[in-house]
Amino acid sequence: MTVGVDLIEIGRVRRTLERYPSFRERCFTAAERAYCDSRPNPPQHYAARFAGKEAIGKALGFGVARAFAWREVEIAGRPKPGIRLSGRLQDWAERVGAGEIDLSMSHSRELATAVAVAEGGSQNA
């Protein structure tokens, strides 16, 4: 079992969304954008999903450096989010023997956080 944790300021995500319109398309799938944009406070939900993607990358031992493809992780569903991996991230998860990934996300007025737990696997791929 491996664990990944992330914490991000919602204000930082709000400013990024305002300054860089392409951020939405670069980091989030169409389904994630539709969900976040349907909520009363979209930046809060974008921030939670961004933290979730970072936590998943960390739990898988893939990290979130330049090679991380943000849309290869889709976080869907509510209240308990489901995870869908694709592309290189899915290949990596299979290579390290990662099983099911459990994700928990939360936010306050100012911060969003996420914890991901990946069953099995080794971070030495």
N, C-alpha and C. Protein backbone atom coordinates (compact mmCIF):
# COMPACT_ATOMS: atom_id res chain seq x y z
N MET A 1 0.85 -1.17 0.00
CA MET A 1 0.00 0.00 0.00
C MET A 1 0.90 1.23 0.00
N THR A 2 0.53 2.21 -0.82
CA THR A 2 1.26 3.47 -0.87
C THR A 2 0.27 4.62 -0.72
N VAL A 3 0.74 5.73 -0.18
CA VAL A 3 -0.12 6.87 0.13
C VAL A 3 0.43 8.13 -0.51
N GLY A 4 -0.44 8.97 -1.01
CA GLY A 4 -0.08 10.29 -1.51
C GLY A 4 -1.00 11.32 -0.90
N VAL A 5 -0.44 12.48 -0.56
CA VAL A 5 -1.21 13.55 0.08
C VAL A 5 -0.90 14.86 -0.64
N ASP A 6 -1.89 15.72 -0.77
CA ASP A 6 -1.64 17.05 -1.33
C ASP A 6 -2.58 18.06 -0.70
N LEU A 7 -2.09 19.30 -0.63
CA LEU A 7 -2.83 20.43 -0.08
C LEU A 7 -2.57 21.62 -0.98
N ILE A 8 -3.62 22.36 -1.35
CA ILE A 8 -3.45 23.52 -2.22
C ILE A 8 -4.38 24.64 -1.79
N GLU A 9 -3.93 25.87 -2.00
CA GLU A 9 -4.75 27.04 -1.70
C GLU A 9 -5.77 27.26 -2.81
N ILE A 10 -7.01 27.38 -2.45
CA ILE A 10 -8.07 27.58 -3.44
C ILE A 10 -7.86 28.90 -4.17
N GLY A 11 -7.41 29.94 -3.48
CA GLY A 11 -7.15 31.23 -4.10
C GLY A 11 -6.11 31.13 -5.22
N ARG A 12 -5.12 30.28 -5.04
CA ARG A 12 -4.10 30.08 -6.08
C ARG A 12 -4.72 29.47 -7.34
N VAL A 13 -5.61 28.50 -7.14
CA VAL A 13 -6.30 27.89 -8.29
C VAL A 13 -7.23 28.91 -8.93
N ARG A 14 -7.93 29.69 -8.12
CA ARG A 14 -8.83 30.72 -8.66
C ARG A 14 -8.05 31.70 -9.55
N ARG A 15 -6.90 32.17 -9.07
CA ARG A 15 -6.09 33.10 -9.87
C ARG A 15 -5.58 32.44 -11.15
N THR A 16 -5.21 31.18 -11.07
CA THR A 16 -4.73 30.45 -12.26
C THR A 16 -5.85 30.31 -13.28
N LEU A 17 -7.04 29.99 -12.83
CA LEU A 17 -8.19 29.87 -13.74
C LEU A 17 -8.47 31.20 -14.43
N GLU A 18 -8.32 32.31 -13.70
CA GLU A 18 -8.58 33.63 -14.27
C GLU A 18 -7.50 34.05 -15.25
N ARG A 19 -6.24 33.78 -14.91
CA ARG A 19 -5.12 34.23 -15.73
C ARG A 19 -4.85 33.36 -16.94
N TYR A 20 -5.09 32.07 -16.80
CA TYR A 20 -4.75 31.10 -17.85
C TYR A 20 -5.97 30.26 -18.20
N PRO A 21 -6.79 30.72 -19.11
CA PRO A 21 -8.00 29.97 -19.47
C PRO A 21 -7.70 28.54 -19.95
N SER A 22 -6.53 28.31 -20.54
CA SER A 22 -6.20 26.97 -21.03
C SER A 22 -5.89 25.98 -19.90
N PHE A 23 -5.73 26.48 -18.68
CA PHE A 23 -5.47 25.61 -17.53
C PHE A 23 -6.56 24.55 -17.39
N ARG A 24 -7.82 24.94 -17.56
CA ARG A 24 -8.95 23.99 -17.46
C ARG A 24 -8.76 22.82 -18.43
N GLU A 25 -8.52 23.14 -19.70
CA GLU A 25 -8.42 22.10 -20.72
C GLU A 25 -7.14 21.27 -20.58
N ARG A 26 -6.07 21.90 -20.11
CA ARG A 26 -4.79 21.20 -19.98
C ARG A 26 -4.80 20.20 -18.83
N CYS A 27 -5.53 20.52 -17.76
CA CYS A 27 -5.43 19.70 -16.55
C CYS A 27 -6.67 18.86 -16.24
N PHE A 28 -7.79 19.16 -16.86
CA PHE A 28 -9.03 18.49 -16.47
C PHE A 28 -9.76 17.94 -17.68
N THR A 29 -10.38 16.78 -17.51
CA THR A 29 -11.16 16.17 -18.59
C THR A 29 -12.45 16.96 -18.78
N ALA A 30 -13.13 16.70 -19.88
CA ALA A 30 -14.40 17.37 -20.15
C ALA A 30 -15.41 17.10 -19.04
N ALA A 31 -15.46 15.87 -18.55
CA ALA A 31 -16.40 15.54 -17.47
C ALA A 31 -16.06 16.28 -16.18
N GLU A 32 -14.78 16.39 -15.88
CA GLU A 32 -14.36 17.13 -14.67
C GLU A 32 -14.72 18.62 -14.80
N ARG A 33 -14.48 19.18 -15.97
CA ARG A 33 -14.81 20.60 -16.19
C ARG A 33 -16.31 20.83 -16.06
N ALA A 34 -17.09 19.94 -16.65
CA ALA A 34 -18.55 20.09 -16.57
C ALA A 34 -19.01 20.05 -15.11
N TYR A 35 -18.47 19.12 -14.33
CA TYR A 35 -18.84 19.03 -12.92
C TYR A 35 -18.44 20.31 -12.17
N CYS A 36 -17.16 20.68 -12.26
CA CYS A 36 -16.67 21.84 -11.51
C CYS A 36 -17.41 23.11 -11.89
N ASP A 37 -17.63 23.31 -13.19
CA ASP A 37 -18.30 24.52 -13.65
C ASP A 37 -19.78 24.56 -13.28
N SER A 38 -20.35 23.43 -12.93
CA SER A 38 -21.76 23.39 -12.53
C SER A 38 -21.96 23.73 -11.05
N ARG A 39 -20.89 23.81 -10.30
CA ARG A 39 -20.97 24.05 -8.86
C ARG A 39 -21.00 25.55 -8.57
N PRO A 40 -21.54 25.95 -7.42
CA PRO A 40 -21.61 27.38 -7.08
C PRO A 40 -20.23 28.06 -6.97
N ASN A 41 -19.20 27.33 -6.57
CA ASN A 41 -17.86 27.89 -6.41
C ASN A 41 -16.86 27.00 -7.17
N PRO A 42 -16.81 27.12 -8.50
CA PRO A 42 -15.96 26.23 -9.31
C PRO A 42 -14.51 26.12 -8.85
N PRO A 43 -13.83 27.23 -8.49
CA PRO A 43 -12.41 27.08 -8.09
C PRO A 43 -12.21 26.12 -6.92
N GLN A 44 -13.14 26.06 -6.02
CA GLN A 44 -13.05 25.15 -4.88
C GLN A 44 -13.01 23.70 -5.37
N HIS A 45 -13.79 23.38 -6.36
CA HIS A 45 -13.87 22.01 -6.87
C HIS A 45 -12.70 21.69 -7.80
N TYR A 46 -12.27 22.68 -8.58
CA TYR A 46 -11.05 22.48 -9.38
C TYR A 46 -9.86 22.23 -8.46
N ALA A 47 -9.78 22.99 -7.38
CA ALA A 47 -8.65 22.83 -6.45
C ALA A 47 -8.65 21.44 -5.82
N ALA A 48 -9.81 20.96 -5.41
CA ALA A 48 -9.89 19.62 -4.80
C ALA A 48 -9.45 18.56 -5.80
N ARG A 49 -9.90 18.68 -7.04
CA ARG A 49 -9.51 17.70 -8.06
C ARG A 49 -8.04 17.81 -8.42
N PHE A 50 -7.51 19.01 -8.44
CA PHE A 50 -6.08 19.19 -8.70
C PHE A 50 -5.28 18.52 -7.59
N ALA A 51 -5.66 18.75 -6.34
CA ALA A 51 -4.99 18.10 -5.22
C ALA A 51 -5.14 16.58 -5.32
N GLY A 52 -6.31 16.12 -5.75
CA GLY A 52 -6.54 14.68 -5.91
C GLY A 52 -5.60 14.08 -6.94
N LYS A 53 -5.42 14.76 -8.06
CA LYS A 53 -4.53 14.26 -9.11
C LYS A 53 -3.09 14.20 -8.61
N GLU A 54 -2.67 15.23 -7.87
CA GLU A 54 -1.32 15.23 -7.31
C GLU A 54 -1.15 14.10 -6.31
N ALA A 55 -2.14 13.90 -5.45
CA ALA A 55 -2.06 12.82 -4.46
C ALA A 55 -1.99 11.46 -5.13
N ILE A 56 -2.74 11.26 -6.20
CA ILE A 56 -2.72 10.00 -6.93
C ILE A 56 -1.34 9.77 -7.56
N GLY A 57 -0.79 10.81 -8.19
CA GLY A 57 0.54 10.69 -8.78
C GLY A 57 1.58 10.31 -7.73
N LYS A 58 1.47 10.89 -6.56
CA LYS A 58 2.40 10.58 -5.48
C LYS A 58 2.20 9.16 -4.97
N ALA A 59 0.94 8.74 -4.80
CA ALA A 59 0.66 7.39 -4.30
C ALA A 59 1.18 6.32 -5.26
N LEU A 60 1.15 6.63 -6.55
CA LEU A 60 1.63 5.66 -7.55
C LEU A 60 3.14 5.71 -7.73
N GLY A 61 3.78 6.70 -7.12
CA GLY A 61 5.22 6.84 -7.28
C GLY A 61 5.61 7.43 -8.61
N PHE A 62 4.64 7.96 -9.33
CA PHE A 62 4.88 8.57 -10.63
C PHE A 62 5.31 10.02 -10.46
N GLY A 63 4.83 10.64 -9.40
CA GLY A 63 5.13 12.04 -9.17
C GLY A 63 4.30 12.93 -10.07
N VAL A 64 4.58 14.21 -10.02
CA VAL A 64 3.83 15.17 -10.82
C VAL A 64 4.77 16.13 -11.55
N ALA A 65 5.91 15.62 -11.94
CA ALA A 65 6.88 16.43 -12.68
C ALA A 65 6.40 16.62 -14.12
N ARG A 66 7.28 17.04 -14.99
CA ARG A 66 6.91 17.35 -16.37
C ARG A 66 6.23 16.20 -17.09
N ALA A 67 6.57 14.97 -16.78
CA ALA A 67 6.01 13.83 -17.49
C ALA A 67 4.56 13.54 -17.10
N PHE A 68 4.07 14.15 -16.05
CA PHE A 68 2.72 13.88 -15.57
C PHE A 68 1.70 14.47 -16.55
N ALA A 69 0.79 13.66 -17.00
CA ALA A 69 -0.27 14.11 -17.90
C ALA A 69 -1.56 14.22 -17.08
N TRP A 70 -1.94 15.42 -16.78
CA TRP A 70 -3.04 15.68 -15.85
C TRP A 70 -4.34 15.02 -16.25
N ARG A 71 -4.64 14.96 -17.55
CA ARG A 71 -5.92 14.39 -17.98
C ARG A 71 -5.90 12.86 -18.02
N GLU A 72 -4.75 12.25 -17.71
CA GLU A 72 -4.69 10.79 -17.63
C GLU A 72 -5.23 10.29 -16.29
N VAL A 73 -5.62 11.21 -15.43
CA VAL A 73 -6.32 10.89 -14.19
C VAL A 73 -7.65 11.62 -14.26
N GLU A 74 -8.73 10.88 -14.19
CA GLU A 74 -10.05 11.50 -14.14
C GLU A 74 -10.68 11.16 -12.81
N ILE A 75 -11.16 12.20 -12.14
CA ILE A 75 -11.82 12.03 -10.85
C ILE A 75 -13.29 12.32 -11.08
N ALA A 76 -14.13 11.29 -10.91
CA ALA A 76 -15.54 11.42 -11.22
C ALA A 76 -16.38 10.87 -10.08
N GLY A 77 -17.57 11.38 -9.99
CA GLY A 77 -18.51 10.86 -9.01
C GLY A 77 -18.55 11.67 -7.74
N ARG A 78 -19.62 11.43 -7.02
CA ARG A 78 -19.87 12.16 -5.81
C ARG A 78 -20.86 11.38 -4.98
N PRO A 79 -20.81 11.26 -3.72
CA PRO A 79 -19.86 11.92 -2.82
C PRO A 79 -18.50 11.22 -2.78
N LYS A 80 -18.44 9.94 -3.11
CA LYS A 80 -17.16 9.22 -3.09
C LYS A 80 -16.59 9.22 -4.49
N PRO A 81 -15.47 9.90 -4.70
CA PRO A 81 -14.94 10.00 -6.06
C PRO A 81 -14.34 8.69 -6.56
N GLY A 82 -14.60 8.41 -7.83
CA GLY A 82 -13.98 7.28 -8.50
C GLY A 82 -12.79 7.78 -9.32
N ILE A 83 -11.85 6.90 -9.57
CA ILE A 83 -10.64 7.24 -10.29
C ILE A 83 -10.58 6.46 -11.60
N ARG A 84 -10.29 7.15 -12.70
CA ARG A 84 -10.04 6.48 -13.97
C ARG A 84 -8.67 6.92 -14.47
N LEU A 85 -7.81 5.94 -14.70
CA LEU A 85 -6.48 6.21 -15.23
C LEU A 85 -6.46 5.85 -16.71
N SER A 86 -5.60 6.52 -17.47
CA SER A 86 -5.43 6.21 -18.88
C SER A 86 -3.98 6.49 -19.28
N GLY A 87 -3.64 6.10 -20.49
CA GLY A 87 -2.33 6.42 -21.05
C GLY A 87 -1.15 5.94 -20.23
N ARG A 88 -0.12 6.79 -20.19
CA ARG A 88 1.12 6.42 -19.50
C ARG A 88 0.92 6.17 -18.01
N LEU A 89 -0.01 6.91 -17.41
CA LEU A 89 -0.23 6.72 -15.97
C LEU A 89 -0.85 5.36 -15.69
N GLN A 90 -1.75 4.92 -16.54
CA GLN A 90 -2.33 3.58 -16.39
C GLN A 90 -1.25 2.52 -16.60
N ASP A 91 -0.41 2.71 -17.61
CA ASP A 91 0.70 1.78 -17.86
C ASP A 91 1.62 1.70 -16.65
N TRP A 92 1.93 2.85 -16.09
CA TRP A 92 2.80 2.91 -14.90
C TRP A 92 2.16 2.15 -13.74
N ALA A 93 0.87 2.40 -13.49
CA ALA A 93 0.18 1.73 -12.38
C ALA A 93 0.23 0.22 -12.55
N GLU A 94 0.05 -0.26 -13.78
CA GLU A 94 0.11 -1.70 -14.03
C GLU A 94 1.53 -2.22 -13.82
N ARG A 95 2.52 -1.45 -14.27
CA ARG A 95 3.92 -1.87 -14.13
C ARG A 95 4.34 -1.99 -12.67
N VAL A 96 3.86 -1.09 -11.81
CA VAL A 96 4.24 -1.16 -10.40
C VAL A 96 3.30 -2.06 -9.60
N GLY A 97 2.30 -2.63 -10.27
CA GLY A 97 1.39 -3.54 -9.60
C GLY A 97 0.40 -2.87 -8.66
N ALA A 98 0.08 -1.62 -8.97
CA ALA A 98 -0.89 -0.90 -8.13
C ALA A 98 -2.29 -1.43 -8.41
N GLY A 99 -3.02 -1.69 -7.36
CA GLY A 99 -4.40 -2.13 -7.50
C GLY A 99 -5.34 -0.94 -7.43
N GLU A 100 -6.43 -1.13 -6.76
CA GLU A 100 -7.44 -0.09 -6.63
C GLU A 100 -6.88 1.13 -5.90
N ILE A 101 -7.33 2.30 -6.31
CA ILE A 101 -6.91 3.55 -5.68
C ILE A 101 -8.11 4.14 -4.97
N ASP A 102 -7.94 4.44 -3.70
CA ASP A 102 -8.98 5.09 -2.91
C ASP A 102 -8.60 6.54 -2.74
N LEU A 103 -9.54 7.44 -2.95
CA LEU A 103 -9.26 8.87 -2.87
C LEU A 103 -10.27 9.55 -1.97
N SER A 104 -9.77 10.43 -1.12
CA SER A 104 -10.63 11.27 -0.30
C SER A 104 -10.21 12.71 -0.52
N MET A 105 -11.18 13.58 -0.80
CA MET A 105 -10.91 15.00 -1.01
C MET A 105 -11.76 15.81 -0.04
N SER A 106 -11.23 16.97 0.34
CA SER A 106 -11.98 17.86 1.22
C SER A 106 -11.52 19.29 0.96
N HIS A 107 -12.36 20.24 1.35
CA HIS A 107 -11.95 21.63 1.23
C HIS A 107 -12.60 22.46 2.32
N SER A 108 -11.90 23.53 2.66
CA SER A 108 -12.43 24.54 3.56
C SER A 108 -12.66 25.78 2.69
N ARG A 109 -12.80 26.90 3.29
CA ARG A 109 -12.97 28.13 2.53
C ARG A 109 -11.69 28.49 1.76
N GLU A 110 -10.53 28.14 2.34
CA GLU A 110 -9.26 28.58 1.76
C GLU A 110 -8.40 27.47 1.18
N LEU A 111 -8.57 26.22 1.64
CA LEU A 111 -7.68 25.13 1.26
C LEU A 111 -8.46 23.93 0.73
N ALA A 112 -7.82 23.21 -0.18
CA ALA A 112 -8.35 21.92 -0.65
C ALA A 112 -7.26 20.89 -0.40
N THR A 113 -7.68 19.70 0.00
CA THR A 113 -6.73 18.64 0.29
C THR A 113 -7.23 17.32 -0.27
N ALA A 114 -6.30 16.41 -0.46
CA ALA A 114 -6.66 15.08 -0.95
C ALA A 114 -5.66 14.07 -0.42
N VAL A 115 -6.17 12.86 -0.16
CA VAL A 115 -5.34 11.73 0.25
C VAL A 115 -5.70 10.57 -0.67
N ALA A 116 -4.69 9.96 -1.28
CA ALA A 116 -4.89 8.80 -2.15
C ALA A 116 -4.13 7.62 -1.57
N VAL A 117 -4.79 6.46 -1.58
CA VAL A 117 -4.16 5.23 -1.12
C VAL A 117 -4.27 4.22 -2.26
N ALA A 118 -3.12 3.72 -2.69
CA ALA A 118 -3.08 2.73 -3.76
C ALA A 118 -2.77 1.36 -3.15
N GLU A 119 -3.62 0.38 -3.45
CA GLU A 119 -3.39 -0.98 -2.95
C GLU A 119 -2.20 -1.61 -3.67
N GLY A 120 -1.47 -2.42 -2.93
CA GLY A 120 -0.38 -3.19 -3.53
C GLY A 120 0.64 -2.29 -4.18
N GLY A 121 1.40 -2.87 -5.06
CA GLY A 121 2.35 -2.08 -5.82
C GLY A 121 3.62 -1.77 -5.09
N SER A 122 4.56 -1.34 -5.87
CA SER A 122 5.87 -0.94 -5.38
C SER A 122 6.24 0.35 -6.08
N GLN A 123 6.91 1.22 -5.41
CA GLN A 123 7.30 2.47 -6.03
C GLN A 123 8.62 2.31 -6.78
N ASN A 124 9.07 1.12 -6.98
CA ASN A 124 10.35 0.90 -7.68
C ASN A 124 10.11 0.28 -9.05
N ALA A 125 9.68 1.05 -10.01
CA ALA A 125 9.42 0.52 -11.35
C ALA A 125 10.53 0.92 -12.29
